Amino acid sequence: MLDYLYDLYGSSLYGVIFRVVKQESTAVEVLRQTFKTIWNDITFYNPKKFTLFTWMTHIALHLAKEHRHLQGTDHFQETNVVKSGMALIRELTINYGETANELLDNLLPEHRQVIELLYFEGCSYSEVIKILDLSSEVIKTRIRAALVRLSEILQI
């Protein structure tokens, strides 16, 4: 079954991943992780929420962005607050799909902006600091507040 999915979607998912990580060897590794996650999480797939390809793309994008964050030059600076958010954002994108935006609407605009830049647009921690022209502590505070609010909404 996994071979069949790989034959159908592997090259498309590789392209999505490569655009984020920008290295062939890394893209291959993230693609492998993507299919492992798909296999392990297939019971979470809900065809009423989105197509199989959309669900698989969410997983691929999440893993590629996570890899980019953890491999970036500033990954030590990101601290545990950013890394701990990865699991929550993964839950949000995989299980809520298109309705994730509606959940993000519950955040204050400045909190949503940081979450979108960091987790959905693939910006590194230092890039978010530069883009928003804010201190590291302000960014961390906004991330924490947003993650706490999302945890409350998701009842995690």
N, C-alpha and C. Protein backbone atom coordinates (compact mmCIF):
# COMPACT_ATOMS: atom_id res chain seq x y z
N MET A 1 0.81 -1.19 0.00
CA MET A 1 0.00 0.00 0.00
C MET A 1 0.86 1.26 0.00
N LEU A 2 1.89 1.29 0.87
CA LEU A 2 2.76 2.44 0.95
C LEU A 2 3.52 2.63 -0.37
N ASP A 3 3.92 1.53 -0.99
CA ASP A 3 4.59 1.61 -2.29
C ASP A 3 3.68 2.26 -3.33
N TYR A 4 2.41 1.90 -3.29
CA TYR A 4 1.43 2.46 -4.21
C TYR A 4 1.30 3.97 -4.00
N LEU A 5 1.19 4.40 -2.75
CA LEU A 5 1.10 5.83 -2.45
C LEU A 5 2.37 6.56 -2.87
N TYR A 6 3.50 5.92 -2.66
CA TYR A 6 4.77 6.53 -3.05
C TYR A 6 4.83 6.71 -4.57
N ASP A 7 4.41 5.69 -5.29
CA ASP A 7 4.41 5.79 -6.75
C ASP A 7 3.48 6.90 -7.24
N LEU A 8 2.35 7.06 -6.60
CA LEU A 8 1.38 8.08 -7.00
C LEU A 8 1.80 9.50 -6.59
N TYR A 9 2.30 9.65 -5.38
CA TYR A 9 2.50 10.98 -4.82
C TYR A 9 3.94 11.35 -4.48
N GLY A 10 4.84 10.41 -4.55
CA GLY A 10 6.22 10.64 -4.12
C GLY A 10 6.89 11.83 -4.79
N SER A 11 6.80 11.91 -6.11
CA SER A 11 7.50 13.01 -6.80
C SER A 11 6.86 14.37 -6.49
N SER A 12 5.56 14.41 -6.37
CA SER A 12 4.89 15.68 -6.03
C SER A 12 5.27 16.13 -4.62
N LEU A 13 5.26 15.20 -3.68
CA LEU A 13 5.63 15.54 -2.31
C LEU A 13 7.10 15.94 -2.22
N TYR A 14 7.95 15.26 -2.99
CA TYR A 14 9.36 15.62 -3.02
C TYR A 14 9.52 17.07 -3.47
N GLY A 15 8.79 17.48 -4.49
CA GLY A 15 8.86 18.85 -4.98
C GLY A 15 8.45 19.86 -3.92
N VAL A 16 7.40 19.55 -3.19
CA VAL A 16 6.93 20.42 -2.11
C VAL A 16 8.02 20.54 -1.04
N ILE A 17 8.59 19.42 -0.66
CA ILE A 17 9.62 19.39 0.37
C ILE A 17 10.87 20.13 -0.09
N PHE A 18 11.29 19.87 -1.32
CA PHE A 18 12.52 20.48 -1.84
C PHE A 18 12.43 22.00 -1.84
N ARG A 19 11.26 22.54 -2.17
CA ARG A 19 11.09 24.00 -2.17
C ARG A 19 11.32 24.61 -0.78
N VAL A 20 11.12 23.82 0.27
CA VAL A 20 11.32 24.32 1.63
C VAL A 20 12.76 24.11 2.09
N VAL A 21 13.30 22.90 1.89
CA VAL A 21 14.62 22.57 2.45
C VAL A 21 15.77 22.91 1.51
N LYS A 22 15.52 22.97 0.21
CA LYS A 22 16.47 23.41 -0.80
C LYS A 22 17.76 22.58 -0.90
N GLN A 23 17.73 21.35 -0.44
CA GLN A 23 18.85 20.43 -0.58
C GLN A 23 18.30 19.05 -0.94
N GLU A 24 18.90 18.45 -1.96
CA GLU A 24 18.40 17.18 -2.45
C GLU A 24 18.45 16.08 -1.39
N SER A 25 19.59 15.92 -0.73
CA SER A 25 19.72 14.84 0.27
C SER A 25 18.76 15.05 1.43
N THR A 26 18.58 16.29 1.83
CA THR A 26 17.64 16.60 2.91
C THR A 26 16.21 16.32 2.47
N ALA A 27 15.88 16.70 1.25
CA ALA A 27 14.53 16.47 0.74
C ALA A 27 14.21 14.97 0.69
N VAL A 28 15.19 14.17 0.31
CA VAL A 28 14.99 12.71 0.27
C VAL A 28 14.73 12.18 1.68
N GLU A 29 15.50 12.66 2.65
CA GLU A 29 15.31 12.22 4.04
C GLU A 29 13.95 12.66 4.58
N VAL A 30 13.56 13.88 4.31
CA VAL A 30 12.26 14.37 4.79
C VAL A 30 11.13 13.61 4.09
N LEU A 31 11.30 13.28 2.82
CA LEU A 31 10.30 12.49 2.11
C LEU A 31 10.15 11.12 2.77
N ARG A 32 11.26 10.51 3.15
CA ARG A 32 11.21 9.22 3.85
C ARG A 32 10.44 9.38 5.16
N GLN A 33 10.75 10.44 5.92
CA GLN A 33 10.03 10.69 7.17
C GLN A 33 8.55 10.95 6.92
N THR A 34 8.26 11.62 5.82
CA THR A 34 6.87 11.91 5.47
C THR A 34 6.07 10.63 5.27
N PHE A 35 6.62 9.70 4.51
CA PHE A 35 5.88 8.45 4.26
C PHE A 35 5.81 7.58 5.51
N LYS A 36 6.82 7.66 6.36
CA LYS A 36 6.75 6.94 7.63
C LYS A 36 5.62 7.51 8.49
N THR A 37 5.51 8.84 8.52
CA THR A 37 4.45 9.50 9.29
C THR A 37 3.08 9.19 8.70
N ILE A 38 2.99 9.21 7.38
CA ILE A 38 1.72 8.88 6.72
C ILE A 38 1.29 7.47 7.13
N TRP A 39 2.21 6.55 7.10
CA TRP A 39 1.91 5.16 7.45
C TRP A 39 1.45 5.06 8.92
N ASN A 40 2.17 5.75 9.80
CA ASN A 40 1.84 5.67 11.23
C ASN A 40 0.56 6.42 11.60
N ASP A 41 0.23 7.47 10.84
CA ASP A 41 -0.91 8.33 11.19
C ASP A 41 -2.11 8.17 10.27
N ILE A 42 -2.12 7.16 9.44
CA ILE A 42 -3.19 7.01 8.45
C ILE A 42 -4.57 6.94 9.11
N THR A 43 -4.64 6.48 10.34
CA THR A 43 -5.94 6.40 11.02
C THR A 43 -6.50 7.79 11.33
N PHE A 44 -5.64 8.83 11.31
CA PHE A 44 -6.10 10.19 11.55
C PHE A 44 -6.66 10.85 10.29
N TYR A 45 -6.43 10.23 9.14
CA TYR A 45 -6.92 10.81 7.89
C TYR A 45 -8.44 10.80 7.88
N ASN A 46 -9.02 11.96 7.55
CA ASN A 46 -10.47 12.09 7.48
C ASN A 46 -10.84 12.64 6.10
N PRO A 47 -11.38 11.79 5.23
CA PRO A 47 -11.71 12.25 3.87
C PRO A 47 -12.80 13.31 3.82
N LYS A 48 -13.51 13.52 4.91
CA LYS A 48 -14.52 14.57 4.94
C LYS A 48 -13.90 15.95 5.10
N LYS A 49 -12.66 15.99 5.59
CA LYS A 49 -11.98 17.27 5.81
C LYS A 49 -11.17 17.71 4.60
N PHE A 50 -10.49 16.75 3.94
CA PHE A 50 -9.67 17.09 2.79
C PHE A 50 -9.28 15.83 2.03
N THR A 51 -8.74 16.02 0.83
CA THR A 51 -8.33 14.87 0.03
C THR A 51 -7.08 14.24 0.63
N LEU A 52 -6.80 13.02 0.22
CA LEU A 52 -5.61 12.32 0.71
C LEU A 52 -4.36 13.10 0.36
N PHE A 53 -4.28 13.60 -0.86
CA PHE A 53 -3.09 14.35 -1.27
C PHE A 53 -2.91 15.61 -0.43
N THR A 54 -3.98 16.32 -0.14
CA THR A 54 -3.89 17.52 0.69
C THR A 54 -3.39 17.16 2.08
N TRP A 55 -3.91 16.11 2.66
CA TRP A 55 -3.48 15.65 3.98
C TRP A 55 -2.00 15.28 3.96
N MET A 56 -1.58 14.54 2.94
CA MET A 56 -0.19 14.14 2.82
C MET A 56 0.71 15.36 2.62
N THR A 57 0.24 16.34 1.88
CA THR A 57 1.01 17.56 1.66
C THR A 57 1.19 18.33 2.95
N HIS A 58 0.16 18.38 3.78
CA HIS A 58 0.28 19.03 5.09
C HIS A 58 1.38 18.37 5.92
N ILE A 59 1.42 17.06 5.91
CA ILE A 59 2.45 16.34 6.65
C ILE A 59 3.82 16.66 6.09
N ALA A 60 3.96 16.60 4.77
CA ALA A 60 5.25 16.87 4.12
C ALA A 60 5.73 18.29 4.43
N LEU A 61 4.85 19.25 4.31
CA LEU A 61 5.22 20.64 4.60
C LEU A 61 5.62 20.82 6.05
N HIS A 62 4.86 20.25 6.94
CA HIS A 62 5.18 20.36 8.35
C HIS A 62 6.57 19.79 8.64
N LEU A 63 6.85 18.59 8.14
CA LEU A 63 8.14 17.97 8.41
C LEU A 63 9.28 18.75 7.76
N ALA A 64 9.05 19.26 6.57
CA ALA A 64 10.09 20.05 5.89
C ALA A 64 10.38 21.33 6.66
N LYS A 65 9.34 22.00 7.12
CA LYS A 65 9.53 23.25 7.88
C LYS A 65 10.18 22.95 9.23
N GLU A 66 9.78 21.86 9.86
CA GLU A 66 10.39 21.48 11.13
C GLU A 66 11.87 21.21 10.91
N HIS A 67 12.21 20.49 9.86
CA HIS A 67 13.61 20.19 9.57
C HIS A 67 14.38 21.47 9.32
N ARG A 68 13.79 22.37 8.57
CA ARG A 68 14.45 23.66 8.28
C ARG A 68 14.70 24.44 9.57
N HIS A 69 13.73 24.45 10.45
CA HIS A 69 13.91 25.15 11.73
C HIS A 69 15.04 24.53 12.54
N LEU A 70 15.03 23.22 12.64
CA LEU A 70 16.00 22.54 13.48
C LEU A 70 17.40 22.54 12.87
N GLN A 71 17.52 22.67 11.56
CA GLN A 71 18.82 22.69 10.91
C GLN A 71 19.34 24.08 10.64
N GLY A 72 18.51 25.09 10.89
CA GLY A 72 18.92 26.47 10.62
C GLY A 72 20.06 26.92 11.51
N THR A 73 20.71 27.97 11.13
CA THR A 73 21.85 28.47 11.90
C THR A 73 21.42 29.01 13.25
N ASP A 74 20.16 29.31 13.39
CA ASP A 74 19.69 29.87 14.65
C ASP A 74 18.92 28.86 15.50
N HIS A 75 19.05 27.56 15.21
CA HIS A 75 18.19 26.61 15.91
C HIS A 75 18.47 26.53 17.41
N PHE A 76 19.66 26.89 17.85
CA PHE A 76 19.91 26.90 19.29
C PHE A 76 19.21 28.09 19.93
N GLN A 77 19.07 29.16 19.20
CA GLN A 77 18.46 30.37 19.70
C GLN A 77 16.94 30.22 19.82
N GLU A 78 16.37 29.33 19.05
CA GLU A 78 14.92 29.20 19.01
C GLU A 78 14.32 28.74 20.32
N THR A 79 15.07 28.03 21.11
CA THR A 79 14.65 27.54 22.42
C THR A 79 13.52 26.53 22.32
N ASN A 80 13.18 26.00 23.46
CA ASN A 80 12.15 24.96 23.51
C ASN A 80 10.76 25.46 23.15
N VAL A 81 10.50 26.75 23.31
CA VAL A 81 9.15 27.25 23.03
C VAL A 81 8.79 27.05 21.56
N VAL A 82 9.74 27.27 20.67
CA VAL A 82 9.48 27.08 19.25
C VAL A 82 9.34 25.61 18.93
N LYS A 83 10.24 24.80 19.45
CA LYS A 83 10.21 23.37 19.17
C LYS A 83 8.96 22.71 19.75
N SER A 84 8.54 23.15 20.92
CA SER A 84 7.34 22.54 21.52
C SER A 84 6.10 22.88 20.71
N GLY A 85 6.11 23.99 20.02
CA GLY A 85 4.99 24.37 19.19
C GLY A 85 4.83 23.50 17.96
N MET A 86 5.91 22.83 17.55
CA MET A 86 5.85 21.99 16.35
C MET A 86 4.77 20.92 16.46
N ALA A 87 4.71 20.25 17.60
CA ALA A 87 3.71 19.19 17.77
C ALA A 87 2.29 19.75 17.74
N LEU A 88 2.12 20.89 18.37
CA LEU A 88 0.79 21.51 18.39
C LEU A 88 0.37 21.96 16.99
N ILE A 89 1.28 22.57 16.26
CA ILE A 89 0.97 23.01 14.90
C ILE A 89 0.74 21.81 13.99
N ARG A 90 1.49 20.74 14.21
CA ARG A 90 1.27 19.51 13.43
C ARG A 90 -0.15 18.98 13.68
N GLU A 91 -0.54 18.95 14.92
CA GLU A 91 -1.91 18.53 15.29
C GLU A 91 -2.94 19.41 14.58
N LEU A 92 -2.70 20.69 14.60
CA LEU A 92 -3.61 21.66 14.00
C LEU A 92 -3.74 21.43 12.49
N THR A 93 -2.61 21.30 11.79
CA THR A 93 -2.66 21.19 10.33
C THR A 93 -3.13 19.82 9.86
N ILE A 94 -2.72 18.77 10.55
CA ILE A 94 -3.10 17.42 10.11
C ILE A 94 -4.56 17.12 10.43
N ASN A 95 -4.98 17.47 11.62
CA ASN A 95 -6.33 17.10 12.05
C ASN A 95 -7.41 18.13 11.72
N TYR A 96 -7.00 19.36 11.44
CA TYR A 96 -7.99 20.39 11.17
C TYR A 96 -7.92 20.93 9.76
N GLY A 97 -6.83 20.66 9.04
CA GLY A 97 -6.71 21.04 7.64
C GLY A 97 -7.12 22.46 7.35
N GLU A 98 -8.07 22.61 6.45
CA GLU A 98 -8.52 23.93 6.02
C GLU A 98 -9.16 24.75 7.14
N THR A 99 -9.68 24.09 8.16
CA THR A 99 -10.30 24.83 9.25
C THR A 99 -9.26 25.38 10.23
N ALA A 100 -7.98 25.08 10.00
CA ALA A 100 -6.91 25.61 10.86
C ALA A 100 -6.93 27.13 10.86
N ASN A 101 -7.22 27.74 9.71
CA ASN A 101 -7.27 29.20 9.65
C ASN A 101 -8.35 29.76 10.57
N GLU A 102 -9.47 29.07 10.65
CA GLU A 102 -10.53 29.52 11.54
C GLU A 102 -10.07 29.46 13.00
N LEU A 103 -9.30 28.43 13.34
CA LEU A 103 -8.79 28.33 14.70
C LEU A 103 -7.77 29.44 14.97
N LEU A 104 -6.96 29.76 13.98
CA LEU A 104 -5.98 30.84 14.13
C LEU A 104 -6.66 32.20 14.28
N ASP A 105 -7.88 32.32 13.79
CA ASP A 105 -8.63 33.57 13.94
C ASP A 105 -8.90 33.90 15.40
N ASN A 106 -8.79 32.91 16.28
CA ASN A 106 -9.01 33.12 17.71
C ASN A 106 -7.81 33.76 18.41
N LEU A 107 -6.72 33.92 17.68
CA LEU A 107 -5.51 34.52 18.25
C LEU A 107 -5.53 36.03 18.04
N LEU A 108 -4.84 36.74 18.91
CA LEU A 108 -4.63 38.16 18.68
C LEU A 108 -3.83 38.32 17.39
N PRO A 109 -4.07 39.38 16.63
CA PRO A 109 -3.37 39.54 15.34
C PRO A 109 -1.85 39.44 15.44
N GLU A 110 -1.27 40.02 16.48
CA GLU A 110 0.20 39.97 16.60
C GLU A 110 0.70 38.57 16.95
N HIS A 111 -0.12 37.76 17.61
CA HIS A 111 0.24 36.38 17.91
C HIS A 111 0.09 35.51 16.66
N ARG A 112 -0.99 35.73 15.94
CA ARG A 112 -1.21 34.98 14.71
C ARG A 112 -0.09 35.24 13.71
N GLN A 113 0.34 36.49 13.61
CA GLN A 113 1.39 36.86 12.67
C GLN A 113 2.67 36.07 12.94
N VAL A 114 3.05 35.97 14.19
CA VAL A 114 4.27 35.23 14.55
C VAL A 114 4.11 33.74 14.22
N ILE A 115 2.96 33.17 14.56
CA ILE A 115 2.71 31.75 14.29
C ILE A 115 2.74 31.47 12.79
N GLU A 116 2.09 32.32 12.01
CA GLU A 116 2.07 32.12 10.56
C GLU A 116 3.47 32.20 9.98
N LEU A 117 4.24 33.20 10.37
CA LEU A 117 5.60 33.34 9.85
C LEU A 117 6.47 32.14 10.22
N LEU A 118 6.41 31.76 11.47
CA LEU A 118 7.29 30.72 11.99
C LEU A 118 6.92 29.32 11.53
N TYR A 119 5.64 28.98 11.61
CA TYR A 119 5.23 27.61 11.36
C TYR A 119 4.62 27.35 9.99
N PHE A 120 4.01 28.35 9.38
CA PHE A 120 3.34 28.11 8.12
C PHE A 120 4.11 28.66 6.92
N GLU A 121 4.86 29.73 7.11
CA GLU A 121 5.62 30.30 6.01
C GLU A 121 7.07 29.85 6.02
N GLY A 122 7.46 29.09 7.03
CA GLY A 122 8.78 28.50 7.06
C GLY A 122 9.91 29.44 7.43
N CYS A 123 9.60 30.58 8.01
CA CYS A 123 10.65 31.50 8.43
C CYS A 123 11.38 30.94 9.65
N SER A 124 12.66 31.21 9.74
CA SER A 124 13.41 30.82 10.93
C SER A 124 13.13 31.82 12.03
N TYR A 125 13.54 31.47 13.22
CA TYR A 125 13.34 32.33 14.38
C TYR A 125 14.00 33.69 14.16
N SER A 126 15.23 33.70 13.69
CA SER A 126 15.93 34.97 13.47
C SER A 126 15.30 35.77 12.34
N GLU A 127 14.74 35.10 11.34
CA GLU A 127 14.04 35.80 10.26
C GLU A 127 12.79 36.51 10.79
N VAL A 128 12.08 35.87 11.70
CA VAL A 128 10.88 36.48 12.29
C VAL A 128 11.28 37.73 13.07
N ILE A 129 12.36 37.65 13.81
CA ILE A 129 12.86 38.81 14.56
C ILE A 129 13.15 39.97 13.62
N LYS A 130 13.81 39.66 12.50
CA LYS A 130 14.15 40.71 11.53
C LYS A 130 12.91 41.26 10.83
N ILE A 131 12.03 40.38 10.39
CA ILE A 131 10.83 40.80 9.67
C ILE A 131 9.97 41.72 10.52
N LEU A 132 9.76 41.34 11.77
CA LEU A 132 8.88 42.10 12.65
C LEU A 132 9.62 43.20 13.41
N ASP A 133 10.94 43.18 13.32
CA ASP A 133 11.77 44.18 13.99
C ASP A 133 11.43 44.26 15.48
N LEU A 134 11.43 43.07 16.11
CA LEU A 134 11.13 42.96 17.54
C LEU A 134 12.24 42.18 18.22
N SER A 135 12.31 42.29 19.53
CA SER A 135 13.33 41.57 20.29
C SER A 135 12.98 40.09 20.37
N SER A 136 13.99 39.30 20.68
CA SER A 136 13.81 37.87 20.85
C SER A 136 12.80 37.57 21.95
N GLU A 137 12.85 38.32 23.04
CA GLU A 137 11.93 38.08 24.16
C GLU A 137 10.48 38.38 23.77
N VAL A 138 10.25 39.40 22.99
CA VAL A 138 8.88 39.73 22.55
C VAL A 138 8.35 38.60 21.66
N ILE A 139 9.20 38.13 20.76
CA ILE A 139 8.80 37.03 19.86
C ILE A 139 8.46 35.79 20.69
N LYS A 140 9.33 35.43 21.63
CA LYS A 140 9.08 34.24 22.48
C LYS A 140 7.78 34.40 23.26
N THR A 141 7.54 35.59 23.79
CA THR A 141 6.31 35.83 24.55
C THR A 141 5.08 35.65 23.67
N ARG A 142 5.15 36.17 22.46
CA ARG A 142 4.01 36.02 21.54
C ARG A 142 3.80 34.57 21.14
N ILE A 143 4.88 33.85 20.92
CA ILE A 143 4.76 32.43 20.57
C ILE A 143 4.11 31.67 21.72
N ARG A 144 4.63 31.88 22.93
CA ARG A 144 4.06 31.19 24.10
C ARG A 144 2.57 31.49 24.26
N ALA A 145 2.22 32.76 24.17
CA ALA A 145 0.82 33.15 24.34
C ALA A 145 -0.07 32.50 23.27
N ALA A 146 0.42 32.48 22.04
CA ALA A 146 -0.36 31.87 20.95
C ALA A 146 -0.51 30.37 21.16
N LEU A 147 0.57 29.71 21.56
CA LEU A 147 0.51 28.26 21.77
C LEU A 147 -0.40 27.90 22.95
N VAL A 148 -0.36 28.70 24.00
CA VAL A 148 -1.26 28.47 25.13
C VAL A 148 -2.71 28.61 24.67
N ARG A 149 -2.99 29.64 23.92
CA ARG A 149 -4.36 29.87 23.43
C ARG A 149 -4.81 28.74 22.51
N LEU A 150 -3.94 28.31 21.61
CA LEU A 150 -4.30 27.20 20.71
C LEU A 150 -4.51 25.91 21.51
N SER A 151 -3.71 25.68 22.53
CA SER A 151 -3.89 24.49 23.38
C SER A 151 -5.25 24.53 24.07
N GLU A 152 -5.64 25.72 24.53
CA GLU A 152 -6.96 25.86 25.17
C GLU A 152 -8.08 25.57 24.18
N ILE A 153 -7.93 26.10 22.97
CA ILE A 153 -8.97 25.90 21.94
C ILE A 153 -9.08 24.43 21.59
N LEU A 154 -7.93 23.76 21.43
CA LEU A 154 -7.91 22.35 21.05
C LEU A 154 -8.13 21.42 22.25
N GLN A 155 -8.14 21.98 23.43
CA GLN A 155 -8.32 21.24 24.68
C GLN A 155 -7.26 20.16 24.84
N ILE A 156 -6.02 20.58 24.62
CA ILE A 156 -4.89 19.64 24.75
C ILE A 156 -4.22 19.87 26.08
